[in-house]
C-alpha atoms as a PDB file:
ATOM      1  CA  MET A   1      17.968   4.630  23.273  1.00  0.00           C
ATOM      2  CA  LYS A   2      21.394   3.253  23.148  1.00  0.00           C
ATOM      3  CA  ARG A   3      22.565   2.601  19.485  1.00  0.00           C
ATOM      4  CA  SER A   4      23.169  -0.926  20.847  1.00  0.00           C
ATOM      5  CA  GLU A   5      19.650  -1.257  21.616  1.00  0.00           C
ATOM      6  CA  ILE A   6      18.667   0.004  17.986  1.00  0.00           C
ATOM      7  CA  ASN A   7      20.740  -2.372  16.244  1.00  0.00           C
ATOM      8  CA  ALA A   8      19.497  -5.256  18.085  1.00  0.00           C
ATOM      9  CA  ALA A   9      15.892  -4.192  17.214  1.00  0.00           C
ATOM     10  CA  LEU A  10      16.792  -3.739  13.719  1.00  0.00           C
ATOM     11  CA  LYS A  11      18.504  -7.272  13.354  1.00  0.00           C
ATOM     12  CA  TRP A  12      15.384  -8.657  15.071  1.00  0.00           C
ATOM     13  CA  ALA A  13      13.140  -7.008  12.556  1.00  0.00           C
ATOM     14  CA  GLU A  14      14.885  -7.975   9.417  1.00  0.00           C
ATOM     15  CA  GLY A  15      14.421 -11.457  10.566  1.00  0.00           C
ATOM     16  CA  GLN A  16      10.852 -10.907  11.356  1.00  0.00           C
ATOM     17  CA  ILE A  17      10.531  -9.474   7.841  1.00  0.00           C
ATOM     18  CA  GLY A  18      12.308 -12.170   6.235  1.00  0.00           C
ATOM     19  CA  GLN A  19      10.496 -14.934   7.926  1.00  0.00           C
ATOM     20  CA  ALA A  20       7.077 -13.499   6.632  1.00  0.00           C
ATOM     21  CA  GLY A  21       8.334 -13.694   3.336  1.00  0.00           C
ATOM     22  CA  PHE A  22       8.683 -10.168   2.728  1.00  0.00           C
ATOM     23  CA  SER A  23      11.290  -7.945   0.838  1.00  0.00           C
ATOM     24  CA  LEU A  24      12.710  -4.781   1.205  1.00  0.00           C
ATOM     25  CA  PRO A  25      14.551  -2.560  -1.491  1.00  0.00           C
ATOM     26  CA  PRO A  26      18.193  -2.961  -1.558  1.00  0.00           C
ATOM     27  CA  PHE A  27      18.906   0.300   0.307  1.00  0.00           C
ATOM     28  CA  ALA A  28      17.232  -1.249   3.476  1.00  0.00           C
ATOM     29  CA  ARG A  29      20.620  -3.045   3.551  1.00  0.00           C
ATOM     30  CA  TRP A  30      22.895  -0.364   3.084  1.00  0.00           C
ATOM     31  CA  ASP A  31      25.695   0.795   5.891  1.00  0.00           C
ATOM     32  CA  CYS A  32      26.641   4.223   6.155  1.00  0.00           C
ATOM     33  CA  ALA A  33      29.616   4.049   3.452  1.00  0.00           C
ATOM     34  CA  THR A  34      27.030   2.837   0.842  1.00  0.00           C
ATOM     35  CA  TRP A  35      24.747   5.858   1.671  1.00  0.00           C
ATOM     36  CA  GLN A  36      27.805   7.794   1.292  1.00  0.00           C
ATOM     37  CA  LYS A  37      28.762   6.618  -2.095  1.00  0.00           C
ATOM     38  CA  ASN A  38      25.192   6.775  -3.160  1.00  0.00           C
ATOM     39  CA  ARG A  39      24.302  10.443  -2.141  1.00  0.00           C
ATOM     40  CA  ASP A  40      23.584  11.952  -5.293  1.00  0.00           C
ATOM     41  CA  LEU A  41      21.060   9.191  -6.368  1.00  0.00           C
ATOM     42  CA  THR A  42      19.089   9.387  -3.010  1.00  0.00           C
ATOM     43  CA  GLN A  43      17.751  12.808  -2.585  1.00  0.00           C
ATOM     44  CA  VAL A  44      14.027  11.789  -2.974  1.00  0.00           C
ATOM     45  CA  ILE A  45      14.708   9.088  -0.588  1.00  0.00           C
ATOM     46  CA  ARG A  46      16.487  11.077   2.306  1.00  0.00           C
ATOM     47  CA  GLU A  47      13.774  13.969   1.863  1.00  0.00           C
ATOM     48  CA  VAL A  48      10.649  11.959   2.172  1.00  0.00           C
ATOM     49  CA  MET A  49      12.342   9.703   4.794  1.00  0.00           C
ATOM     50  CA  LEU A  50      12.112   6.300   3.382  1.00  0.00           C
ATOM     51  CA  GLY A  51      13.762   3.661   5.191  1.00  0.00           C
ATOM     52  CA  TRP A  52      14.273   2.209   8.927  1.00  0.00           C
ATOM     53  CA  ASP A  53      13.045   4.236  12.092  1.00  0.00           C
ATOM     54  CA  ILE A  54      13.265   2.982  15.605  1.00  0.00           C
ATOM     55  CA  THR A  55      11.666   4.885  18.282  1.00  0.00           C
ATOM     56  CA  ASP A  56      10.868   4.530  22.022  1.00  0.00           C
ATOM     57  CA  PHE A  57       9.030   7.721  21.709  1.00  0.00           C
ATOM     58  CA  GLY A  58      11.022   9.201  24.508  1.00  0.00           C
ATOM     59  CA  MET A  59       9.425   6.807  27.183  1.00  0.00           C
ATOM     60  CA  GLY A  60      12.657   4.955  27.880  1.00  0.00           C
ATOM     61  CA  ASP A  61      10.663   1.844  27.802  1.00  0.00           C
ATOM     62  CA  PHE A  62      11.042   0.167  24.487  1.00  0.00           C
ATOM     63  CA  ALA A  63       9.706  -3.163  25.287  1.00  0.00           C
ATOM     64  CA  ARG A  64       6.577  -1.714  26.044  1.00  0.00           C
ATOM     65  CA  VAL A  65       5.995   1.410  24.014  1.00  0.00           C
ATOM     66  CA  GLY A  66       7.921   1.776  20.726  1.00  0.00           C
ATOM     67  CA  ALA A  67       8.339   0.158  17.398  1.00  0.00           C
ATOM     68  CA  VAL A  68      10.517  -0.821  14.276  1.00  0.00           C
ATOM     69  CA  LEU A  69       9.252   0.877  11.169  1.00  0.00           C
ATOM     70  CA  TYR A  70      10.269   1.022   7.528  1.00  0.00           C
ATOM     71  CA  THR A  71       8.792   3.353   5.148  1.00  0.00           C
ATOM     72  CA  LEU A  72       8.704   1.923   1.627  1.00  0.00           C
ATOM     73  CA  ARG A  73       6.949   4.812  -0.252  1.00  0.00           C
ATOM     74  CA  ASN A  74       6.151   8.322   0.448  1.00  0.00           C
ATOM     75  CA  GLY A  75       6.134  12.082  -0.818  1.00  0.00           C
ATOM     76  CA  MET A  76       5.858  15.490   0.500  1.00  0.00           C
ATOM     77  CA  VAL A  77       3.187  17.875   1.379  1.00  0.00           C
ATOM     78  CA  GLY A  78       3.281  20.952  -0.715  1.00  0.00           C
ATOM     79  CA  ARG A  79       5.537  19.295  -3.326  1.00  0.00           C
ATOM     80  CA  PRO A  80       3.304  17.482  -5.878  1.00  0.00           C
ATOM     81  CA  GLY A  81       5.375  15.145  -7.862  1.00  0.00           C
ATOM     82  CA  PHE A  82       8.327  14.802  -5.392  1.00  0.00           C
ATOM     83  CA  GLY A  83       8.446  11.180  -4.469  1.00  0.00           C
ATOM     84  CA  ALA A  84       4.823   9.354  -4.140  1.00  0.00           C
ATOM     85  CA  PRO A  85       1.185  10.918  -3.723  1.00  0.00           C
ATOM     86  CA  TYR A  86       0.942   8.012  -0.766  1.00  0.00           C
ATOM     87  CA  ALA A  87       2.934   6.413   1.891  1.00  0.00           C
ATOM     88  CA  GLU A  88       3.413   2.784   3.017  1.00  0.00           C
ATOM     89  CA  LYS A  89       5.084   1.453   5.925  1.00  0.00           C
ATOM     90  CA  TYR A  90       5.660  -1.849   7.629  1.00  0.00           C
ATOM     91  CA  ILE A  91       5.598  -1.462  11.355  1.00  0.00           C
ATOM     92  CA  VAL A  92       7.342  -4.536  13.339  1.00  0.00           C
ATOM     93  CA  LEU A  93       5.859  -4.927  16.879  1.00  0.00           C
ATOM     94  CA  ALA A  94       7.261  -7.376  19.794  1.00  0.00           C
ATOM     95  CA  GLU A  95       4.408  -9.237  21.491  1.00  0.00           C
ATOM     96  CA  GLY A  96       2.994  -6.716  24.120  1.00  0.00           C
ATOM     97  CA  GLN A  97       4.601  -3.531  22.451  1.00  0.00           C
ATOM     98  CA  ARG A  98       2.271  -0.710  21.386  1.00  0.00           C
ATOM     99  CA  LEU A  99       2.335   2.676  19.876  1.00  0.00           C
ATOM    100  CA  PRO A 100       1.371   5.769  22.216  1.00  0.00           C
ATOM    101  CA  CYS A 101      -2.148   7.210  21.901  1.00  0.00           C
ATOM    102  CA  HIS A 102      -2.382   9.938  18.887  1.00  0.00           C
ATOM    103  CA  TYR A 103      -4.124  11.077  16.028  1.00  0.00           C
ATOM    104  CA  HIS A 104      -3.141  12.692  12.585  1.00  0.00           C
ATOM    105  CA  ALA A 105      -4.840  16.174  11.282  1.00  0.00           C
ATOM    106  CA  VAL A 106      -4.139  15.436   7.673  1.00  0.00           C
ATOM    107  CA  LYS A 107      -3.455  11.622   7.253  1.00  0.00           C
ATOM    108  CA  THR A 108      -5.780   8.842   6.379  1.00  0.00           C
ATOM    109  CA  GLU A 109      -4.619   5.437   6.815  1.00  0.00           C
ATOM    110  CA  ASP A 110      -5.414   1.952   6.600  1.00  0.00           C
ATOM    111  CA  ILE A 111      -3.702  -0.072   9.327  1.00  0.00           C
ATOM    112  CA  ILE A 112      -3.440  -3.600   8.270  1.00  0.00           C
ATOM    113  CA  ASN A 113      -2.473  -6.780  10.043  1.00  0.00           C
ATOM    114  CA  ARG A 114       0.008  -8.173   7.431  1.00  0.00           C
ATOM    115  CA  HIS A 115       1.498 -11.166   9.371  1.00  0.00           C
ATOM    116  CA  GLY A 116       1.736 -12.748  12.835  1.00  0.00           C
ATOM    117  CA  GLY A 117      -0.392 -12.603  15.825  1.00  0.00           C
ATOM    118  CA  GLN A 118      -3.667 -10.386  16.673  1.00  0.00           C
ATOM    119  CA  MET A 119      -3.540  -6.442  16.471  1.00  0.00           C
ATOM    120  CA  ALA A 120      -5.126  -4.831  19.474  1.00  0.00           C
ATOM    121  CA  MET A 121      -6.581  -1.563  18.815  1.00  0.00           C
ATOM    122  CA  ARG A 122      -8.352   1.110  20.832  1.00  0.00           C
ATOM    123  CA  LEU A 123     -10.032   4.272  19.458  1.00  0.00           C
ATOM    124  CA  TYR A 124     -11.147   7.488  20.704  1.00  0.00           C
ATOM    125  CA  ASN A 125     -12.786  10.716  19.287  1.00  0.00           C
ATOM    126  CA  ARG A 126     -11.106  13.935  19.587  1.00  0.00           C
ATOM    127  CA  LYS A 127     -12.693  16.771  21.590  1.00  0.00           C
ATOM    128  CA  PRO A 128     -13.074  20.070  20.420  1.00  0.00           C
ATOM    129  CA  ASP A 129     -10.316  21.314  22.516  1.00  0.00           C
ATOM    130  CA  GLY A 130      -7.932  18.639  21.275  1.00  0.00           C
ATOM    131  CA  GLY A 131      -8.418  16.424  24.067  1.00  0.00           C
ATOM    132  CA  VAL A 132      -9.327  12.826  24.251  1.00  0.00           C
ATOM    133  CA  ASP A 133     -12.995  12.119  24.335  1.00  0.00           C
ATOM    134  CA  GLU A 134     -13.480   8.950  26.872  1.00  0.00           C
ATOM    135  CA  ASN A 135     -17.217   8.891  26.490  1.00  0.00           C
ATOM    136  CA  SER A 136     -18.556   8.944  22.960  1.00  0.00           C
ATOM    137  CA  ASP A 137     -18.643   5.758  20.862  1.00  0.00           C
ATOM    138  CA  VAL A 138     -16.350   5.785  17.513  1.00  0.00           C
ATOM    139  CA  THR A 139     -17.592   4.516  14.254  1.00  0.00           C
ATOM    140  CA  VAL A 140     -14.732   3.046  12.111  1.00  0.00           C
ATOM    141  CA  TYR A 141     -14.469   0.909   8.927  1.00  0.00           C
ATOM    142  CA  LEU A 142     -13.084  -2.697   9.486  1.00  0.00           C
ATOM    143  CA  ASP A 143     -12.303  -4.279   6.003  1.00  0.00           C
ATOM    144  CA  ASP A 144     -14.528  -1.522   4.936  1.00  0.00           C
ATOM    145  CA  MET A 145     -17.689  -2.313   6.707  1.00  0.00           C
ATOM    146  CA  PRO A 146     -18.757   0.051   9.512  1.00  0.00           C
ATOM    147  CA  ARG A 147     -18.262  -1.019  13.037  1.00  0.00           C
ATOM    148  CA  THR A 148     -19.068   1.063  16.158  1.00  0.00           C
ATOM    149  CA  VAL A 149     -16.889   0.730  19.507  1.00  0.00           C
ATOM    150  CA  GLY A 150     -16.787   2.264  22.810  1.00  0.00           C
ATOM    151  CA  ALA A 151     -14.349   4.797  23.753  1.00  0.00           C
ATOM    152  CA  GLY A 152     -11.138   2.925  24.622  1.00  0.00           C
ATOM    153  CA  GLU A 153     -12.772  -0.315  23.926  1.00  0.00           C
ATOM    154  CA  GLU A 154     -10.306  -2.900  22.960  1.00  0.00           C
ATOM    155  CA  PHE A 155     -10.933  -4.981  19.761  1.00  0.00           C
ATOM    156  CA  LEU A 156      -8.615  -7.305  17.935  1.00  0.00           C
ATOM    157  CA  VAL A 157      -7.654  -7.309  14.110  1.00  0.00           C
ATOM    158  CA  ALA A 158      -6.945 -10.501  12.653  1.00  0.00           C
ATOM    159  CA  PRO A 159      -4.275 -11.240   9.986  1.00  0.00           C
ATOM    160  CA  GLY A 160      -5.224  -9.786   6.614  1.00  0.00           C
ATOM    161  CA  SER A 161      -7.896  -7.508   8.154  1.00  0.00           C
ATOM    162  CA  SER A 162      -7.383  -3.684   8.327  1.00  0.00           C
ATOM    163  CA  VAL A 163      -8.927  -0.612  10.043  1.00  0.00           C
ATOM    164  CA  ARG A 164      -9.307   2.757   8.274  1.00  0.00           C
ATOM    165  CA  LEU A 165      -8.205   5.617  10.608  1.00  0.00           C
ATOM    166  CA  THR A 166      -9.463   9.241   9.807  1.00  0.00           C
ATOM    167  CA  PRO A 167      -8.023  12.663  10.776  1.00  0.00           C
ATOM    168  CA  PHE A 168      -8.665  13.357  14.458  1.00  0.00           C
ATOM    169  CA  MET A 169      -9.425   9.887  15.486  1.00  0.00           C
ATOM    170  CA  TYR A 170      -6.976   9.019  18.381  1.00  0.00           C
ATOM    171  CA  HIS A 171      -5.722   5.506  18.232  1.00  0.00           C
ATOM    172  CA  ILE A 172      -3.508   2.963  19.975  1.00  0.00           C
ATOM    173  CA  PHE A 173      -2.505  -0.152  18.386  1.00  0.00           C
ATOM    174  CA  GLY A 174       0.004  -3.182  19.013  1.00  0.00           C
ATOM    175  CA  ALA A 175       0.761  -6.584  19.142  1.00  0.00           C
ATOM    176  CA  LYS A 176      -1.430  -8.403  21.741  1.00  0.00           C
ATOM    177  CA  GLU A 177       0.124 -10.391  24.296  1.00  0.00           C
ATOM    178  CA  GLY A 178      -0.343 -13.926  24.048  1.00  0.00           C
ATOM    179  CA  TYR A 179      -0.244 -14.145  20.359  1.00  0.00           C
ATOM    180  CA  GLY A 180       3.295 -13.434  19.381  1.00  0.00           C
ATOM    181  CA  PRO A 181       4.912 -10.557  17.486  1.00  0.00           C
ATOM    182  CA  LEU A 182       3.182  -8.623  14.433  1.00  0.00           C
ATOM    183  CA  ILE A 183       4.025  -7.071  11.016  1.00  0.00           C
ATOM    184  CA  VAL A 184       1.571  -4.078  10.803  1.00  0.00           C
ATOM    185  CA  GLY A 185       1.351  -2.460   7.211  1.00  0.00           C
ATOM    186  CA  GLU A 186       0.096   1.199   6.553  1.00  0.00           C
ATOM    187  CA  VAL A 187      -1.169   2.486   3.508  1.00  0.00           C
ATOM    188  CA  SER A 188      -1.903   6.036   3.607  1.00  0.00           C
ATOM    189  CA  SER A 189      -2.013   9.463   2.275  1.00  0.00           C
ATOM    190  CA  ILE A 190       1.542  11.423   2.178  1.00  0.00           C
ATOM    191  CA  ASN A 191       3.193  10.691   5.616  1.00  0.00           C
ATOM    192  CA  ASP A 192       4.722  13.799   7.607  1.00  0.00           C
ATOM    193  CA  ASP A 193       5.949  12.565  10.800  1.00  0.00           C
ATOM    194  CA  ASN A 194       7.423  15.828  11.691  1.00  0.00           C
ATOM    195  CA  THR A 195       4.249  17.894  11.802  1.00  0.00           C
ATOM    196  CA  ASP A 196       1.236  15.554  11.643  1.00  0.00           C
ATOM    197  CA  ASN A 197       1.656  13.571  14.834  1.00  0.00           C
ATOM    198  CA  TYR A 198      -0.653  14.716  18.031  1.00  0.00           C
ATOM    199  CA  PHE A 199      -0.035  12.597  20.944  1.00  0.00           C
ATOM    200  CA  SER A 200      -2.228  12.604  24.169  1.00  0.00           C
ATOM    201  CA  GLU A 201       0.935  11.158  26.169  1.00  0.00           C
ATOM    202  CA  PRO A 202       4.049  13.078  26.933  1.00  0.00           C
ATOM    203  CA  VAL A 203       5.990  11.494  24.156  1.00  0.00           C
ATOM    204  CA  LYS A 204       8.813  12.408  21.462  1.00  0.00           C
ATOM    205  CA  ARG A 205       8.158  11.172  18.008  1.00  0.00           C
ATOM    206  CA  PHE A 206      11.882  10.181  17.439  1.00  0.00           C
ATOM    207  CA  ALA A 207      14.387   8.615  20.071  1.00  0.00           C
ATOM    208  CA  ASP A 208      17.456  10.317  21.404  1.00  0.00           C
ATOM    209  CA  ILE A 209      20.296   8.290  20.815  1.00  0.00           C
ATOM    210  CA  GLU A 210      23.106   7.478  23.052  1.00  0.00           C
ATOM    211  CA  GLU A 211      26.106   6.106  20.818  1.00  0.00           C
ATOM    212  CA  ASP A 212      27.461   3.069  22.364  1.00  0.00           C
ATOM    213  CA  GLU A 213      28.741   1.040  19.183  1.00  0.00           C
ATOM    214  CA  PRO A 214      28.902   1.603  15.569  1.00  0.00           C
ATOM    215  CA  ILE A 215      25.704   1.926  13.446  1.00  0.00           C
ATOM    216  CA  TYR A 216      24.044  -0.945  11.947  1.00  0.00           C
ATOM    217  CA  ARG A 217      21.729   0.794   9.644  1.00  0.00           C
ATOM    218  CA  PRO A 218      21.368   4.634   9.460  1.00  0.00           C
ATOM    219  CA  LEU A 219      17.826   5.804  10.421  1.00  0.00           C
ATOM    220  CA  CYS A 220      15.799   7.751   8.181  1.00  0.00           C
ATOM    221  CA  GLY A 221      15.901  10.707  10.557  1.00  0.00           C
ATOM    222  CA  GLU A 222      19.813  10.988  10.553  1.00  0.00           C
ATOM    223  CA  TYR A 223      20.463  10.654   7.110  1.00  0.00           C
ATOM    224  CA  GLU A 224      21.727  14.277   6.480  1.00  0.00           C
ATOM    225  CA  ALA A 225      23.827  14.434   9.740  1.00  0.00           C
ATOM    226  CA  LEU A 226      25.652  11.107   8.536  1.00  0.00           C
ATOM    227  CA  LEU A 227      26.357  12.166   5.068  1.00  0.00           C
ATOM    228  CA  LEU A 228      27.570  15.755   5.610  1.00  0.00           C
END
């Protein structure tokens, strides 16, 4: 992705979050110079990767597959007491935009329609060989009530409702076309984006960045490179 595309998406997402009446911590608005100034205070923030994340998952089609994410709370697997023992995110999606099909081997997460349109979701079980089971039904908890859906069957999640995704459950979710943009909340066990994402599509978790203009806000995956 070009830095100009990332900057534009960040400014758009800030507007969406503000219009929804949500507030982010002060470091969400820091530029690179302010991060440098506060380096000694931000070890936990940097290591557990709080802050902004924008990705097209390496697919080069951000309008269709991609997201703006903001991690509010997180910890680190294997380091009890470092950060929080849980994670929380906002995921801001433009109309028609989705995340790729993936599962987690460790993380359990509630995916919540926090604000905006309808969240479209499709689920699959994982085969023993790791592949996508395109035949068997999936039982999931929607607002803590069981619901069974067909493999890959689209269902909509209205504002205020949530779906609990357990390990090894393949999932796709996004902002349903015709209903506008969406702010998704994620509340989960500790999130490790470096080791606990398993994709069925040929993607990369973090985008490659082409620098064509100055950085507006640093992303959580580039703190260390920027603060050396």
